[in-house]
Amino acid sequence: MSKDIKQAVINELDRRITLLKDHQSEQILVNGDQYSELNQALSKVIGVPLTGELESMKEFVRTL
């Protein structure tokens, strides 16, 4: 894998990891819509393992 492509993939993974981590610190908006609030909570819960997977993928790309 060329170094330029490898760095581009790592940069994109870093960008997505940052977005997920930023989302983790956002407050859940209590708006009276239980489905909206549930979706916000689920998004936070799913974000934790997804962040781990992206970080693992980044380490794999570094080894290429």
N, C-alpha and C. Protein backbone atom coordinates (compact mmCIF):
# COMPACT_ATOMS: atom_id res chain seq x y z
N MET A 1 0.85 -1.18 0.00
CA MET A 1 0.00 0.00 0.00
C MET A 1 0.90 1.23 0.00
N SER A 2 0.60 2.18 -0.88
CA SER A 2 1.44 3.38 -0.93
C SER A 2 1.27 4.19 0.36
N LYS A 3 2.31 4.92 0.70
CA LYS A 3 2.28 5.70 1.94
C LYS A 3 1.21 6.78 1.91
N ASP A 4 0.96 7.36 0.72
CA ASP A 4 -0.07 8.41 0.61
C ASP A 4 -1.46 7.84 0.89
N ILE A 5 -1.75 6.68 0.30
CA ILE A 5 -3.06 6.06 0.52
C ILE A 5 -3.19 5.61 1.97
N LYS A 6 -2.14 5.02 2.49
CA LYS A 6 -2.14 4.57 3.88
C LYS A 6 -2.41 5.74 4.82
N GLN A 7 -1.74 6.87 4.60
CA GLN A 7 -1.94 8.03 5.46
C GLN A 7 -3.34 8.60 5.29
N ALA A 8 -3.88 8.57 4.08
CA ALA A 8 -5.23 9.06 3.84
C ALA A 8 -6.25 8.21 4.60
N VAL A 9 -6.05 6.89 4.62
CA VAL A 9 -6.96 6.00 5.35
C VAL A 9 -6.84 6.26 6.85
N ILE A 10 -5.63 6.39 7.34
CA ILE A 10 -5.42 6.67 8.77
C ILE A 10 -6.05 8.01 9.15
N ASN A 11 -5.90 9.01 8.32
CA ASN A 11 -6.50 10.32 8.59
C ASN A 11 -8.02 10.23 8.65
N GLU A 12 -8.61 9.47 7.73
CA GLU A 12 -10.07 9.32 7.73
C GLU A 12 -10.54 8.56 8.97
N LEU A 13 -9.82 7.52 9.35
CA LEU A 13 -10.18 6.79 10.56
C LEU A 13 -10.08 7.71 11.78
N ASP A 14 -9.02 8.51 11.86
CA ASP A 14 -8.88 9.47 12.96
C ASP A 14 -10.04 10.45 12.99
N ARG A 15 -10.46 10.93 11.82
CA ARG A 15 -11.58 11.87 11.75
C ARG A 15 -12.85 11.24 12.31
N ARG A 16 -13.11 10.01 11.91
CA ARG A 16 -14.33 9.32 12.36
C ARG A 16 -14.27 8.97 13.84
N ILE A 17 -13.11 8.59 14.33
CA ILE A 17 -12.94 8.31 15.76
C ILE A 17 -13.20 9.58 16.57
N THR A 18 -12.69 10.71 16.10
CA THR A 18 -12.90 11.99 16.78
C THR A 18 -14.38 12.34 16.81
N LEU A 19 -15.08 12.14 15.70
CA LEU A 19 -16.52 12.42 15.67
C LEU A 19 -17.27 11.58 16.69
N LEU A 20 -16.93 10.30 16.76
CA LEU A 20 -17.60 9.41 17.72
C LEU A 20 -17.30 9.83 19.16
N LYS A 21 -16.05 10.17 19.44
CA LYS A 21 -15.68 10.58 20.80
C LYS A 21 -16.36 11.90 21.17
N ASP A 22 -16.46 12.82 20.22
CA ASP A 22 -17.16 14.08 20.48
C ASP A 22 -18.63 13.82 20.77
N HIS A 23 -19.21 12.90 20.06
CA HIS A 23 -20.63 12.57 20.24
C HIS A 23 -20.88 11.97 21.63
N GLN A 24 -19.90 11.25 22.16
CA GLN A 24 -20.05 10.64 23.47
C GLN A 24 -20.28 11.66 24.58
N SER A 25 -19.71 12.86 24.42
CA SER A 25 -19.82 13.87 25.47
C SER A 25 -21.04 14.77 25.30
N GLU A 26 -21.78 14.59 24.21
CA GLU A 26 -22.98 15.41 24.00
C GLU A 26 -24.09 14.98 24.96
N GLN A 27 -24.84 15.94 25.41
CA GLN A 27 -25.98 15.67 26.28
C GLN A 27 -27.13 15.08 25.47
N ILE A 28 -27.88 14.17 26.08
CA ILE A 28 -29.09 13.66 25.45
C ILE A 28 -30.16 14.72 25.60
N LEU A 29 -30.74 15.11 24.46
CA LEU A 29 -31.78 16.13 24.48
C LEU A 29 -33.10 15.52 24.93
N VAL A 30 -33.58 15.95 26.06
CA VAL A 30 -34.86 15.47 26.57
C VAL A 30 -35.94 16.34 25.94
N ASN A 31 -36.67 15.74 25.00
CA ASN A 31 -37.67 16.50 24.26
C ASN A 31 -39.07 15.90 24.34
N GLY A 32 -39.23 14.91 25.20
CA GLY A 32 -40.55 14.31 25.36
C GLY A 32 -40.84 13.21 24.37
N ASP A 33 -40.00 13.06 23.36
CA ASP A 33 -40.18 12.00 22.37
C ASP A 33 -39.31 10.83 22.80
N GLN A 34 -39.96 9.82 23.37
CA GLN A 34 -39.21 8.69 23.93
C GLN A 34 -38.37 7.97 22.88
N TYR A 35 -38.81 7.94 21.64
CA TYR A 35 -38.05 7.25 20.59
C TYR A 35 -36.80 8.04 20.22
N SER A 36 -36.93 9.35 20.17
CA SER A 36 -35.77 10.19 19.89
C SER A 36 -34.75 10.07 21.01
N GLU A 37 -35.20 10.09 22.24
CA GLU A 37 -34.30 9.98 23.38
C GLU A 37 -33.64 8.60 23.41
N LEU A 38 -34.41 7.56 23.09
CA LEU A 38 -33.85 6.21 23.03
C LEU A 38 -32.80 6.10 21.93
N ASN A 39 -33.08 6.68 20.78
CA ASN A 39 -32.11 6.65 19.68
C ASN A 39 -30.82 7.36 20.05
N GLN A 40 -30.94 8.46 20.77
CA GLN A 40 -29.74 9.18 21.22
C GLN A 40 -28.93 8.31 22.17
N ALA A 41 -29.61 7.65 23.09
CA ALA A 41 -28.92 6.80 24.06
C ALA A 41 -28.27 5.60 23.36
N LEU A 42 -28.99 4.99 22.44
CA LEU A 42 -28.44 3.85 21.71
C LEU A 42 -27.23 4.26 20.87
N SER A 43 -27.29 5.44 20.30
CA SER A 43 -26.18 5.95 19.51
C SER A 43 -24.93 6.06 20.36
N LYS A 44 -25.08 6.51 21.60
CA LYS A 44 -23.94 6.62 22.50
C LYS A 44 -23.40 5.23 22.86
N VAL A 45 -24.30 4.29 23.12
CA VAL A 45 -23.88 2.95 23.50
C VAL A 45 -23.17 2.25 22.34
N ILE A 46 -23.68 2.37 21.16
CA ILE A 46 -23.08 1.75 19.98
C ILE A 46 -21.75 2.41 19.64
N GLY A 47 -21.62 3.69 19.94
CA GLY A 47 -20.40 4.42 19.61
C GLY A 47 -19.17 3.91 20.32
N VAL A 48 -19.33 3.36 21.52
CA VAL A 48 -18.17 2.88 22.29
C VAL A 48 -17.48 1.71 21.59
N PRO A 49 -18.19 0.62 21.27
CA PRO A 49 -17.50 -0.47 20.59
C PRO A 49 -17.08 -0.09 19.17
N LEU A 50 -17.84 0.77 18.52
CA LEU A 50 -17.47 1.20 17.17
C LEU A 50 -16.15 1.98 17.20
N THR A 51 -15.97 2.82 18.19
CA THR A 51 -14.71 3.54 18.35
C THR A 51 -13.55 2.55 18.51
N GLY A 52 -13.76 1.53 19.32
CA GLY A 52 -12.73 0.51 19.50
C GLY A 52 -12.40 -0.21 18.21
N GLU A 53 -13.42 -0.53 17.43
CA GLU A 53 -13.20 -1.20 16.15
C GLU A 53 -12.42 -0.32 15.18
N LEU A 54 -12.77 0.96 15.13
CA LEU A 54 -12.05 1.87 14.24
C LEU A 54 -10.60 2.04 14.67
N GLU A 55 -10.36 2.09 15.98
CA GLU A 55 -8.99 2.20 16.47
C GLU A 55 -8.20 0.94 16.13
N SER A 56 -8.84 -0.22 16.23
CA SER A 56 -8.20 -1.48 15.86
C SER A 56 -7.89 -1.50 14.36
N MET A 57 -8.82 -1.03 13.55
CA MET A 57 -8.61 -0.97 12.11
C MET A 57 -7.44 -0.04 11.78
N LYS A 58 -7.36 1.07 12.49
CA LYS A 58 -6.26 2.01 12.27
C LYS A 58 -4.91 1.35 12.55
N GLU A 59 -4.83 0.59 13.63
CA GLU A 59 -3.59 -0.12 13.95
C GLU A 59 -3.25 -1.14 12.88
N PHE A 60 -4.25 -1.81 12.35
CA PHE A 60 -4.02 -2.77 11.27
C PHE A 60 -3.47 -2.07 10.03
N VAL A 61 -4.06 -0.94 9.67
CA VAL A 61 -3.62 -0.20 8.49
C VAL A 61 -2.17 0.25 8.68
N ARG A 62 -1.81 0.62 9.87
CA ARG A 62 -0.42 1.04 10.15
C ARG A 62 0.59 -0.08 9.87
N THR A 63 0.14 -1.33 10.05
CA THR A 63 1.06 -2.46 9.84
C THR A 63 1.24 -2.82 8.37
N LEU A 64 0.41 -2.27 7.50
CA LEU A 64 0.50 -2.60 6.06
C LEU A 64 1.69 -1.95 5.41
